[in-house]
């Protein structure tokens, strides 16, 4: 899964979109994929974050309420581990939103392709620097196609593909093996 936000701090910034793509065994289930744009509060503006995620104020105004977006996402996540690249961002934003709406944090097993790759690189005595662990850069090392960055659904698919490439290379057999 992936979120796009107006910044990096859950206490100050807002989620503007959520994308998810389920993996069943070792297959990506595009039929179960989902994407929602979240309507901002009255007077909300995406501001300069639009240069990153490309969502306009008009698209945000036509989005759905955060509660409805979380319900859709959590229904898709039911019985699954959350898979993300640099998962702390997704976990922190979704957990904060769950606390605001449902008065409970997100409690779910998490698998992080960023952490998987960092661990692999360190085991190979290749210590990653800066850009080495960005989703696009890691995908390139696995021979995966380039996608545009910062669209929640595309990034969720990119992460799912990366996870399958990592598992194919023997990093783990199932998401259960990798839960944090």
N, C-alpha and C. Protein backbone atom coordinates (compact mmCIF):
# COMPACT_ATOMS: atom_id res chain seq x y z
N UNK A 1 0.84 -1.18 0.00
CA UNK A 1 0.00 0.00 0.00
C UNK A 1 0.87 1.22 0.00
N UNK A 2 0.29 2.33 -0.31
CA UNK A 2 1.02 3.60 -0.32
C UNK A 2 0.04 4.72 0.00
N UNK A 3 0.57 5.74 0.64
CA UNK A 3 -0.20 6.97 0.86
C UNK A 3 0.54 8.13 0.23
N UNK A 4 -0.21 9.08 -0.23
CA UNK A 4 0.35 10.37 -0.62
C UNK A 4 -0.19 11.38 0.38
N UNK A 5 0.68 12.30 0.78
CA UNK A 5 0.35 13.23 1.86
C UNK A 5 0.78 14.64 1.49
N UNK A 6 0.39 15.59 2.32
CA UNK A 6 0.79 16.98 2.11
C UNK A 6 2.15 17.28 2.73
N UNK A 7 2.75 16.32 3.40
CA UNK A 7 4.05 16.48 4.02
C UNK A 7 4.44 15.19 4.71
N UNK A 8 5.46 15.23 5.53
CA UNK A 8 5.99 14.01 6.15
C UNK A 8 5.63 13.83 7.62
N UNK A 9 4.93 14.79 8.21
CA UNK A 9 4.61 14.71 9.63
C UNK A 9 3.12 14.45 9.84
N UNK A 10 2.76 13.27 10.34
CA UNK A 10 1.34 12.95 10.54
C UNK A 10 0.62 13.93 11.47
N UNK A 11 1.34 14.54 12.39
CA UNK A 11 0.71 15.48 13.32
C UNK A 11 0.39 16.82 12.66
N UNK A 12 1.03 17.11 11.53
CA UNK A 12 0.85 18.40 10.86
C UNK A 12 0.25 18.30 9.46
N UNK A 13 0.42 17.15 8.81
CA UNK A 13 0.05 17.01 7.41
C UNK A 13 -1.09 16.01 7.24
N UNK A 14 -1.67 16.00 6.05
CA UNK A 14 -2.85 15.18 5.79
C UNK A 14 -2.60 14.16 4.68
N UNK A 15 -3.32 13.05 4.76
CA UNK A 15 -3.32 12.07 3.68
C UNK A 15 -4.22 12.62 2.57
N UNK A 16 -3.72 12.56 1.33
CA UNK A 16 -4.55 13.00 0.21
C UNK A 16 -4.99 11.83 -0.68
N UNK A 17 -4.26 10.71 -0.60
CA UNK A 17 -4.71 9.52 -1.35
C UNK A 17 -4.11 8.26 -0.74
N UNK A 18 -4.81 7.16 -0.94
CA UNK A 18 -4.36 5.85 -0.49
C UNK A 18 -4.53 4.89 -1.66
N UNK A 19 -3.51 4.07 -1.89
CA UNK A 19 -3.59 3.04 -2.91
C UNK A 19 -3.16 1.70 -2.33
N UNK A 20 -3.79 0.63 -2.78
CA UNK A 20 -3.41 -0.69 -2.29
C UNK A 20 -3.56 -1.73 -3.40
N UNK A 21 -2.70 -2.72 -3.33
CA UNK A 21 -2.71 -3.84 -4.28
C UNK A 21 -2.43 -5.10 -3.49
N UNK A 22 -3.40 -6.01 -3.36
CA UNK A 22 -3.18 -7.22 -2.58
C UNK A 22 -2.29 -8.23 -3.32
N UNK A 23 -1.57 -9.00 -2.51
CA UNK A 23 -0.80 -10.13 -3.01
C UNK A 23 -1.41 -11.37 -2.39
N UNK A 24 -1.77 -12.33 -3.21
CA UNK A 24 -2.28 -13.62 -2.75
C UNK A 24 -1.23 -14.67 -3.11
N UNK A 25 -0.58 -15.20 -2.08
CA UNK A 25 0.52 -16.12 -2.34
C UNK A 25 1.64 -15.37 -3.03
N UNK A 26 1.93 -15.76 -4.26
CA UNK A 26 2.97 -15.06 -5.02
C UNK A 26 2.39 -14.41 -6.27
N UNK A 27 1.11 -14.00 -6.16
CA UNK A 27 0.45 -13.35 -7.28
C UNK A 27 -0.17 -12.02 -6.84
N UNK A 28 0.00 -11.02 -7.68
CA UNK A 28 -0.63 -9.73 -7.46
C UNK A 28 -2.08 -9.83 -7.93
N UNK A 29 -3.01 -9.40 -7.07
CA UNK A 29 -4.44 -9.46 -7.36
C UNK A 29 -4.94 -8.07 -7.76
N UNK A 30 -4.83 -7.75 -9.05
CA UNK A 30 -5.25 -6.42 -9.50
C UNK A 30 -6.75 -6.20 -9.31
N UNK A 31 -7.52 -7.28 -9.29
CA UNK A 31 -8.96 -7.16 -9.06
C UNK A 31 -9.28 -6.66 -7.66
N UNK A 32 -8.36 -6.84 -6.72
CA UNK A 32 -8.56 -6.37 -5.36
C UNK A 32 -7.92 -5.03 -5.08
N UNK A 33 -7.30 -4.45 -6.11
CA UNK A 33 -6.61 -3.16 -5.93
C UNK A 33 -7.63 -2.05 -5.68
N UNK A 34 -7.19 -1.03 -5.00
CA UNK A 34 -8.06 0.11 -4.73
C UNK A 34 -7.29 1.40 -4.65
N UNK A 35 -7.99 2.48 -4.92
CA UNK A 35 -7.39 3.82 -4.87
C UNK A 35 -8.47 4.81 -4.48
N UNK A 36 -8.16 5.64 -3.51
CA UNK A 36 -9.09 6.69 -3.11
C UNK A 36 -8.36 8.01 -2.95
N UNK A 37 -9.02 9.06 -3.37
CA UNK A 37 -8.56 10.43 -3.10
C UNK A 37 -9.41 10.92 -1.95
N UNK A 38 -8.78 11.55 -0.99
CA UNK A 38 -9.46 11.96 0.24
C UNK A 38 -9.77 13.45 0.21
N UNK A 39 -11.03 13.74 0.43
CA UNK A 39 -11.49 15.12 0.44
C UNK A 39 -10.90 15.86 1.63
N UNK A 40 -10.40 17.03 1.39
CA UNK A 40 -9.88 17.87 2.46
C UNK A 40 -11.00 18.59 3.17
N UNK A 41 -10.69 19.13 4.32
CA UNK A 41 -11.68 19.90 5.06
C UNK A 41 -11.94 21.23 4.35
N UNK A 42 -12.99 21.91 4.76
CA UNK A 42 -13.34 23.20 4.17
C UNK A 42 -12.13 24.13 4.16
N UNK A 43 -11.84 24.71 3.01
CA UNK A 43 -10.71 25.62 2.88
C UNK A 43 -9.37 24.93 2.72
N UNK A 44 -9.34 23.60 2.68
CA UNK A 44 -8.10 22.85 2.54
C UNK A 44 -7.47 23.10 1.17
N UNK A 45 -6.15 23.19 1.15
CA UNK A 45 -5.40 23.30 -0.09
C UNK A 45 -4.19 22.38 0.00
N UNK A 46 -3.90 21.70 -1.09
CA UNK A 46 -2.73 20.82 -1.11
C UNK A 46 -1.44 21.63 -1.12
N UNK A 47 -1.51 22.88 -1.49
CA UNK A 47 -0.33 23.73 -1.47
C UNK A 47 0.78 23.19 -2.36
N UNK A 48 2.00 23.37 -1.91
CA UNK A 48 3.15 22.97 -2.73
C UNK A 48 3.32 21.46 -2.83
N UNK A 49 2.60 20.68 -1.98
CA UNK A 49 2.71 19.22 -2.08
C UNK A 49 2.17 18.71 -3.42
N UNK A 50 1.37 19.51 -4.11
CA UNK A 50 0.85 19.11 -5.43
C UNK A 50 1.97 18.86 -6.42
N UNK A 51 3.11 19.51 -6.23
CA UNK A 51 4.24 19.28 -7.14
C UNK A 51 4.81 17.88 -6.98
N UNK A 52 4.53 17.22 -5.86
CA UNK A 52 5.00 15.86 -5.62
C UNK A 52 3.96 14.85 -6.11
N UNK A 53 2.75 14.90 -5.55
CA UNK A 53 1.74 13.87 -5.84
C UNK A 53 0.82 14.22 -7.01
N UNK A 54 0.91 15.42 -7.54
CA UNK A 54 0.16 15.86 -8.72
C UNK A 54 -1.35 15.94 -8.52
N UNK A 55 -1.82 15.89 -7.29
CA UNK A 55 -3.26 16.04 -7.03
C UNK A 55 -3.58 17.51 -6.85
N UNK A 56 -4.62 17.96 -7.52
CA UNK A 56 -5.01 19.37 -7.45
C UNK A 56 -6.07 19.57 -6.37
N UNK A 57 -6.29 20.81 -6.01
CA UNK A 57 -7.34 21.12 -5.04
C UNK A 57 -8.71 20.66 -5.55
N UNK A 58 -8.97 20.77 -6.85
CA UNK A 58 -10.24 20.31 -7.41
C UNK A 58 -10.40 18.80 -7.26
N UNK A 59 -9.33 18.04 -7.49
CA UNK A 59 -9.40 16.58 -7.33
C UNK A 59 -9.65 16.22 -5.87
N UNK A 60 -9.00 16.95 -4.96
CA UNK A 60 -9.20 16.71 -3.53
C UNK A 60 -10.64 17.04 -3.14
N UNK A 61 -11.16 18.14 -3.64
CA UNK A 61 -12.54 18.54 -3.32
C UNK A 61 -13.55 17.49 -3.79
N UNK A 62 -13.21 16.74 -4.84
CA UNK A 62 -14.11 15.70 -5.36
C UNK A 62 -13.86 14.34 -4.70
N UNK A 63 -12.94 14.28 -3.75
CA UNK A 63 -12.61 13.01 -3.09
C UNK A 63 -13.67 12.56 -2.10
N UNK A 64 -13.35 11.50 -1.37
CA UNK A 64 -14.28 10.97 -0.36
C UNK A 64 -13.76 11.31 1.04
N UNK A 65 -14.65 11.21 2.01
CA UNK A 65 -14.27 11.49 3.40
C UNK A 65 -13.20 10.51 3.86
N UNK A 66 -12.36 10.97 4.78
CA UNK A 66 -11.30 10.13 5.33
C UNK A 66 -11.87 8.87 5.96
N UNK A 67 -12.96 8.98 6.68
CA UNK A 67 -13.55 7.80 7.32
C UNK A 67 -13.93 6.74 6.29
N UNK A 68 -14.57 7.14 5.21
CA UNK A 68 -14.97 6.20 4.15
C UNK A 68 -13.72 5.61 3.49
N UNK A 69 -12.70 6.41 3.29
CA UNK A 69 -11.45 5.93 2.69
C UNK A 69 -10.79 4.88 3.58
N UNK A 70 -10.74 5.16 4.88
CA UNK A 70 -10.15 4.19 5.82
C UNK A 70 -10.96 2.90 5.86
N UNK A 71 -12.28 3.01 5.84
CA UNK A 71 -13.12 1.81 5.84
C UNK A 71 -12.81 0.93 4.64
N UNK A 72 -12.69 1.54 3.46
CA UNK A 72 -12.38 0.77 2.25
C UNK A 72 -11.00 0.12 2.37
N UNK A 73 -10.02 0.90 2.80
CA UNK A 73 -8.67 0.36 2.92
C UNK A 73 -8.60 -0.74 3.97
N UNK A 74 -9.17 -0.50 5.14
CA UNK A 74 -9.09 -1.49 6.22
C UNK A 74 -9.84 -2.77 5.86
N UNK A 75 -10.92 -2.66 5.10
CA UNK A 75 -11.61 -3.85 4.64
C UNK A 75 -10.70 -4.66 3.71
N UNK A 76 -9.99 -3.99 2.83
CA UNK A 76 -9.06 -4.68 1.93
C UNK A 76 -7.88 -5.28 2.70
N UNK A 77 -7.49 -4.65 3.79
CA UNK A 77 -6.34 -5.09 4.59
C UNK A 77 -6.71 -6.24 5.55
N UNK A 78 -7.98 -6.44 5.79
CA UNK A 78 -8.43 -7.43 6.78
C UNK A 78 -7.77 -8.80 6.52
N UNK A 79 -7.14 -9.34 7.57
CA UNK A 79 -6.51 -10.65 7.50
C UNK A 79 -5.18 -10.66 6.77
N UNK A 80 -4.63 -9.50 6.47
CA UNK A 80 -3.39 -9.40 5.71
C UNK A 80 -2.35 -8.61 6.50
N UNK A 81 -1.12 -8.72 6.05
CA UNK A 81 -0.06 -7.85 6.54
C UNK A 81 -0.03 -6.62 5.65
N UNK A 82 0.39 -5.51 6.21
CA UNK A 82 0.56 -4.28 5.43
C UNK A 82 1.93 -4.34 4.78
N UNK A 83 1.99 -4.21 3.48
CA UNK A 83 3.24 -4.20 2.73
C UNK A 83 3.45 -2.82 2.16
N UNK A 84 4.60 -2.22 2.45
CA UNK A 84 4.90 -0.89 1.94
C UNK A 84 6.41 -0.73 1.80
N UNK A 85 6.81 0.29 1.06
CA UNK A 85 8.22 0.63 0.94
C UNK A 85 8.47 1.84 1.83
N UNK A 86 9.37 1.70 2.79
CA UNK A 86 9.58 2.67 3.87
C UNK A 86 8.26 2.85 4.62
N UNK A 87 7.83 1.75 5.20
CA UNK A 87 6.50 1.60 5.77
C UNK A 87 6.19 2.52 6.94
N UNK A 88 7.20 3.10 7.56
CA UNK A 88 6.94 3.97 8.70
C UNK A 88 6.02 5.13 8.32
N UNK A 89 6.17 5.64 7.11
CA UNK A 89 5.31 6.75 6.67
C UNK A 89 3.86 6.28 6.60
N UNK A 90 3.63 5.18 5.88
CA UNK A 90 2.26 4.68 5.75
C UNK A 90 1.67 4.32 7.09
N UNK A 91 2.43 3.59 7.90
CA UNK A 91 1.92 3.17 9.21
C UNK A 91 1.56 4.37 10.07
N UNK A 92 2.46 5.34 10.15
CA UNK A 92 2.22 6.49 11.02
C UNK A 92 1.02 7.32 10.58
N UNK A 93 0.89 7.56 9.26
CA UNK A 93 -0.25 8.35 8.78
C UNK A 93 -1.56 7.59 8.95
N UNK A 94 -1.59 6.31 8.57
CA UNK A 94 -2.82 5.53 8.69
C UNK A 94 -3.19 5.34 10.17
N UNK A 95 -2.20 5.08 11.00
CA UNK A 95 -2.47 4.88 12.42
C UNK A 95 -3.04 6.15 13.05
N UNK A 96 -2.47 7.29 12.71
CA UNK A 96 -2.99 8.56 13.25
C UNK A 96 -4.43 8.79 12.78
N UNK A 97 -4.68 8.50 11.51
CA UNK A 97 -6.04 8.66 10.99
C UNK A 97 -7.01 7.72 11.70
N UNK A 98 -6.58 6.48 11.95
CA UNK A 98 -7.43 5.52 12.67
C UNK A 98 -7.72 6.00 14.10
N UNK A 99 -6.72 6.59 14.73
CA UNK A 99 -6.92 7.13 16.08
C UNK A 99 -7.94 8.26 16.05
N UNK A 100 -7.85 9.13 15.05
CA UNK A 100 -8.78 10.25 14.94
C UNK A 100 -10.21 9.78 14.65
N UNK A 101 -10.36 8.83 13.77
CA UNK A 101 -11.69 8.40 13.34
C UNK A 101 -12.28 7.31 14.24
N UNK A 102 -11.45 6.30 14.58
CA UNK A 102 -11.96 5.14 15.31
C UNK A 102 -11.47 5.04 16.75
N UNK A 103 -10.69 6.02 17.20
CA UNK A 103 -10.12 6.06 18.54
C UNK A 103 -9.23 4.84 18.86
N UNK A 104 -8.57 4.31 17.84
CA UNK A 104 -7.65 3.18 18.03
C UNK A 104 -6.57 3.24 16.95
N UNK A 105 -5.32 2.96 17.32
CA UNK A 105 -4.25 2.98 16.32
C UNK A 105 -4.32 1.77 15.40
N UNK A 106 -3.62 1.83 14.31
CA UNK A 106 -3.51 0.70 13.39
C UNK A 106 -2.61 -0.35 14.04
N UNK A 107 -3.14 -1.54 14.21
CA UNK A 107 -2.38 -2.67 14.76
C UNK A 107 -2.42 -3.78 13.74
N UNK A 108 -1.36 -3.93 12.99
CA UNK A 108 -1.33 -4.92 11.91
C UNK A 108 0.13 -5.29 11.66
N UNK A 109 0.39 -6.54 11.28
CA UNK A 109 1.76 -6.90 10.91
C UNK A 109 2.21 -6.06 9.70
N UNK A 110 3.47 -5.67 9.71
CA UNK A 110 3.99 -4.81 8.65
C UNK A 110 5.22 -5.44 8.02
N UNK A 111 5.27 -5.40 6.70
CA UNK A 111 6.43 -5.85 5.94
C UNK A 111 6.91 -4.65 5.13
N UNK A 112 8.20 -4.38 5.21
CA UNK A 112 8.78 -3.19 4.60
C UNK A 112 9.83 -3.60 3.57
N UNK A 113 9.57 -3.35 2.29
CA UNK A 113 10.54 -3.70 1.25
C UNK A 113 11.81 -2.86 1.36
N UNK A 114 11.71 -1.67 1.89
CA UNK A 114 12.88 -0.81 2.15
C UNK A 114 13.80 -1.51 3.15
N UNK A 115 13.23 -1.96 4.26
CA UNK A 115 14.02 -2.64 5.30
C UNK A 115 14.59 -3.95 4.79
N UNK A 116 13.80 -4.67 3.98
CA UNK A 116 14.29 -5.92 3.40
C UNK A 116 15.54 -5.66 2.56
N UNK A 117 15.47 -4.62 1.74
CA UNK A 117 16.61 -4.33 0.85
C UNK A 117 17.81 -3.82 1.63
N UNK A 118 17.57 -2.97 2.62
CA UNK A 118 18.68 -2.49 3.45
C UNK A 118 19.38 -3.66 4.13
N UNK A 119 18.62 -4.57 4.70
CA UNK A 119 19.20 -5.74 5.36
C UNK A 119 20.00 -6.58 4.37
N UNK A 120 19.45 -6.79 3.19
CA UNK A 120 20.15 -7.56 2.16
C UNK A 120 21.47 -6.88 1.77
N UNK A 121 21.42 -5.58 1.55
CA UNK A 121 22.63 -4.86 1.15
C UNK A 121 23.69 -4.92 2.23
N UNK A 122 23.27 -4.78 3.48
CA UNK A 122 24.23 -4.83 4.59
C UNK A 122 24.84 -6.22 4.72
N UNK A 123 24.03 -7.27 4.49
CA UNK A 123 24.57 -8.64 4.53
C UNK A 123 25.61 -8.85 3.43
N UNK A 124 25.45 -8.14 2.31
CA UNK A 124 26.37 -8.25 1.19
C UNK A 124 27.54 -7.27 1.34
N UNK A 125 27.65 -6.63 2.52
CA UNK A 125 28.68 -5.61 2.79
C UNK A 125 28.61 -4.45 1.81
N UNK A 126 27.41 -4.16 1.35
CA UNK A 126 27.15 -2.99 0.51
C UNK A 126 26.27 -2.08 1.35
N UNK A 127 26.86 -1.05 1.89
CA UNK A 127 26.12 -0.19 2.80
C UNK A 127 25.44 0.92 2.02
N UNK A 128 24.11 0.93 2.04
CA UNK A 128 23.35 1.88 1.21
C UNK A 128 23.58 3.32 1.64
N UNK A 129 23.56 4.19 0.63
CA UNK A 129 23.67 5.63 0.86
C UNK A 129 22.44 6.31 0.25
N UNK A 130 22.00 7.35 0.85
CA UNK A 130 20.94 8.22 0.33
C UNK A 130 19.92 7.58 -0.58
N UNK A 131 20.11 7.77 -1.88
CA UNK A 131 19.16 7.35 -2.89
C UNK A 131 19.13 5.83 -3.13
N UNK A 132 20.10 5.09 -2.60
CA UNK A 132 20.22 3.65 -2.89
C UNK A 132 18.98 2.84 -2.53
N UNK A 133 18.20 3.32 -1.57
CA UNK A 133 17.04 2.56 -1.12
C UNK A 133 15.70 3.14 -1.57
N UNK A 134 15.73 4.16 -2.40
CA UNK A 134 14.48 4.69 -2.94
C UNK A 134 13.82 3.61 -3.80
N UNK A 135 12.50 3.59 -3.80
CA UNK A 135 11.75 2.55 -4.49
C UNK A 135 12.20 2.40 -5.94
N UNK A 136 12.29 3.48 -6.67
CA UNK A 136 12.67 3.40 -8.09
C UNK A 136 14.07 2.82 -8.27
N UNK A 137 15.00 3.21 -7.43
CA UNK A 137 16.37 2.73 -7.54
C UNK A 137 16.45 1.24 -7.23
N UNK A 138 15.74 0.80 -6.19
CA UNK A 138 15.75 -0.62 -5.83
C UNK A 138 15.11 -1.43 -6.96
N UNK A 139 14.00 -0.94 -7.50
CA UNK A 139 13.33 -1.65 -8.61
C UNK A 139 14.27 -1.80 -9.80
N UNK A 140 15.06 -0.80 -10.08
CA UNK A 140 16.01 -0.87 -11.20
C UNK A 140 17.00 -2.00 -10.98
N UNK A 141 17.48 -2.15 -9.75
CA UNK A 141 18.45 -3.23 -9.46
C UNK A 141 17.84 -4.62 -9.70
N UNK A 142 16.52 -4.73 -9.58
CA UNK A 142 15.85 -6.01 -9.79
C UNK A 142 15.35 -6.16 -11.24
N UNK A 143 15.66 -5.20 -12.09
CA UNK A 143 15.25 -5.27 -13.49
C UNK A 143 13.77 -5.01 -13.70
N UNK A 144 13.14 -4.33 -12.76
CA UNK A 144 11.71 -4.03 -12.87
C UNK A 144 11.51 -2.73 -13.67
N UNK A 145 10.37 -2.58 -14.32
CA UNK A 145 10.14 -1.39 -15.15
C UNK A 145 10.03 -0.11 -14.32
N UNK A 146 10.33 1.01 -14.97
CA UNK A 146 10.20 2.32 -14.34
C UNK A 146 8.74 2.76 -14.40
N UNK A 147 8.27 3.31 -13.29
CA UNK A 147 6.94 3.91 -13.23
C UNK A 147 7.10 5.34 -12.74
N UNK A 148 6.10 6.15 -13.01
CA UNK A 148 6.08 7.49 -12.41
C UNK A 148 5.93 7.33 -10.91
N UNK A 149 6.61 8.15 -10.16
CA UNK A 149 6.56 8.09 -8.69
C UNK A 149 5.45 8.98 -8.14
N UNK A 150 5.07 8.71 -6.92
CA UNK A 150 4.18 9.54 -6.12
C UNK A 150 2.73 9.55 -6.59
N UNK A 151 2.27 8.40 -7.05
CA UNK A 151 0.85 8.15 -7.22
C UNK A 151 0.58 6.92 -6.36
N UNK A 152 -0.33 7.02 -5.42
CA UNK A 152 -0.50 5.98 -4.40
C UNK A 152 -0.74 4.59 -5.00
N UNK A 153 -1.57 4.49 -6.02
CA UNK A 153 -1.85 3.18 -6.60
C UNK A 153 -0.65 2.63 -7.36
N UNK A 154 0.00 3.48 -8.13
CA UNK A 154 1.18 3.05 -8.88
C UNK A 154 2.31 2.63 -7.93
N UNK A 155 2.51 3.40 -6.87
CA UNK A 155 3.55 3.06 -5.91
C UNK A 155 3.21 1.77 -5.15
N UNK A 156 1.93 1.53 -4.89
CA UNK A 156 1.53 0.28 -4.24
C UNK A 156 1.82 -0.91 -5.15
N UNK A 157 1.53 -0.77 -6.43
CA UNK A 157 1.83 -1.83 -7.40
C UNK A 157 3.34 -2.02 -7.50
N UNK A 158 4.08 -0.93 -7.56
CA UNK A 158 5.54 -1.01 -7.65
C UNK A 158 6.12 -1.73 -6.45
N UNK A 159 5.58 -1.48 -5.28
CA UNK A 159 6.04 -2.15 -4.06
C UNK A 159 5.69 -3.64 -4.10
N UNK A 160 4.50 -3.97 -4.54
CA UNK A 160 4.10 -5.37 -4.64
C UNK A 160 5.02 -6.13 -5.59
N UNK A 161 5.31 -5.54 -6.74
CA UNK A 161 6.22 -6.17 -7.69
C UNK A 161 7.62 -6.34 -7.09
N UNK A 162 8.08 -5.31 -6.39
CA UNK A 162 9.40 -5.40 -5.76
C UNK A 162 9.43 -6.51 -4.72
N UNK A 163 8.40 -6.59 -3.91
CA UNK A 163 8.34 -7.65 -2.90
C UNK A 163 8.45 -9.03 -3.56
N UNK A 164 7.70 -9.24 -4.64
CA UNK A 164 7.76 -10.53 -5.32
C UNK A 164 9.15 -10.79 -5.90
N UNK A 165 9.79 -9.76 -6.42
CA UNK A 165 11.16 -9.92 -6.93
C UNK A 165 12.11 -10.25 -5.79
N UNK A 166 11.95 -9.59 -4.65
CA UNK A 166 12.81 -9.87 -3.50
C UNK A 166 12.61 -11.29 -3.00
N UNK A 167 11.37 -11.75 -2.93
CA UNK A 167 11.12 -13.11 -2.44
C UNK A 167 11.64 -14.13 -3.44
N UNK A 168 11.55 -13.81 -4.71
CA UNK A 168 12.07 -14.72 -5.73
C UNK A 168 13.58 -14.90 -5.58
N UNK A 169 14.23 -13.89 -5.07
CA UNK A 169 15.67 -13.94 -4.87
C UNK A 169 16.03 -14.54 -3.51
N UNK A 170 15.03 -15.10 -2.81
CA UNK A 170 15.30 -15.82 -1.58
C UNK A 170 15.32 -14.99 -0.31
N UNK A 171 14.79 -13.76 -0.36
CA UNK A 171 14.78 -12.94 0.86
C UNK A 171 13.82 -13.52 1.90
N UNK A 172 12.73 -14.12 1.44
CA UNK A 172 11.73 -14.72 2.34
C UNK A 172 10.78 -15.55 1.52
N UNK A 173 10.03 -16.40 2.16
CA UNK A 173 9.07 -17.23 1.46
C UNK A 173 7.66 -16.64 1.48
N UNK A 174 7.27 -16.01 2.58
CA UNK A 174 5.94 -15.45 2.68
C UNK A 174 6.02 -14.14 3.45
N UNK A 175 4.94 -13.36 3.41
CA UNK A 175 4.88 -12.13 4.20
C UNK A 175 5.02 -12.46 5.69
N UNK A 176 4.47 -13.60 6.10
CA UNK A 176 4.54 -14.00 7.50
C UNK A 176 5.99 -14.11 7.97
N UNK A 177 6.89 -14.55 7.10
CA UNK A 177 8.30 -14.67 7.43
C UNK A 177 8.93 -13.32 7.75
N UNK A 178 8.33 -12.23 7.23
CA UNK A 178 8.95 -10.91 7.29
C UNK A 178 8.27 -9.94 8.24
N UNK A 179 7.20 -10.35 8.90
CA UNK A 179 6.45 -9.41 9.74
C UNK A 179 7.35 -8.75 10.76
N UNK A 180 7.04 -7.46 10.99
CA UNK A 180 7.80 -6.73 12.03
C UNK A 180 6.95 -6.54 13.25
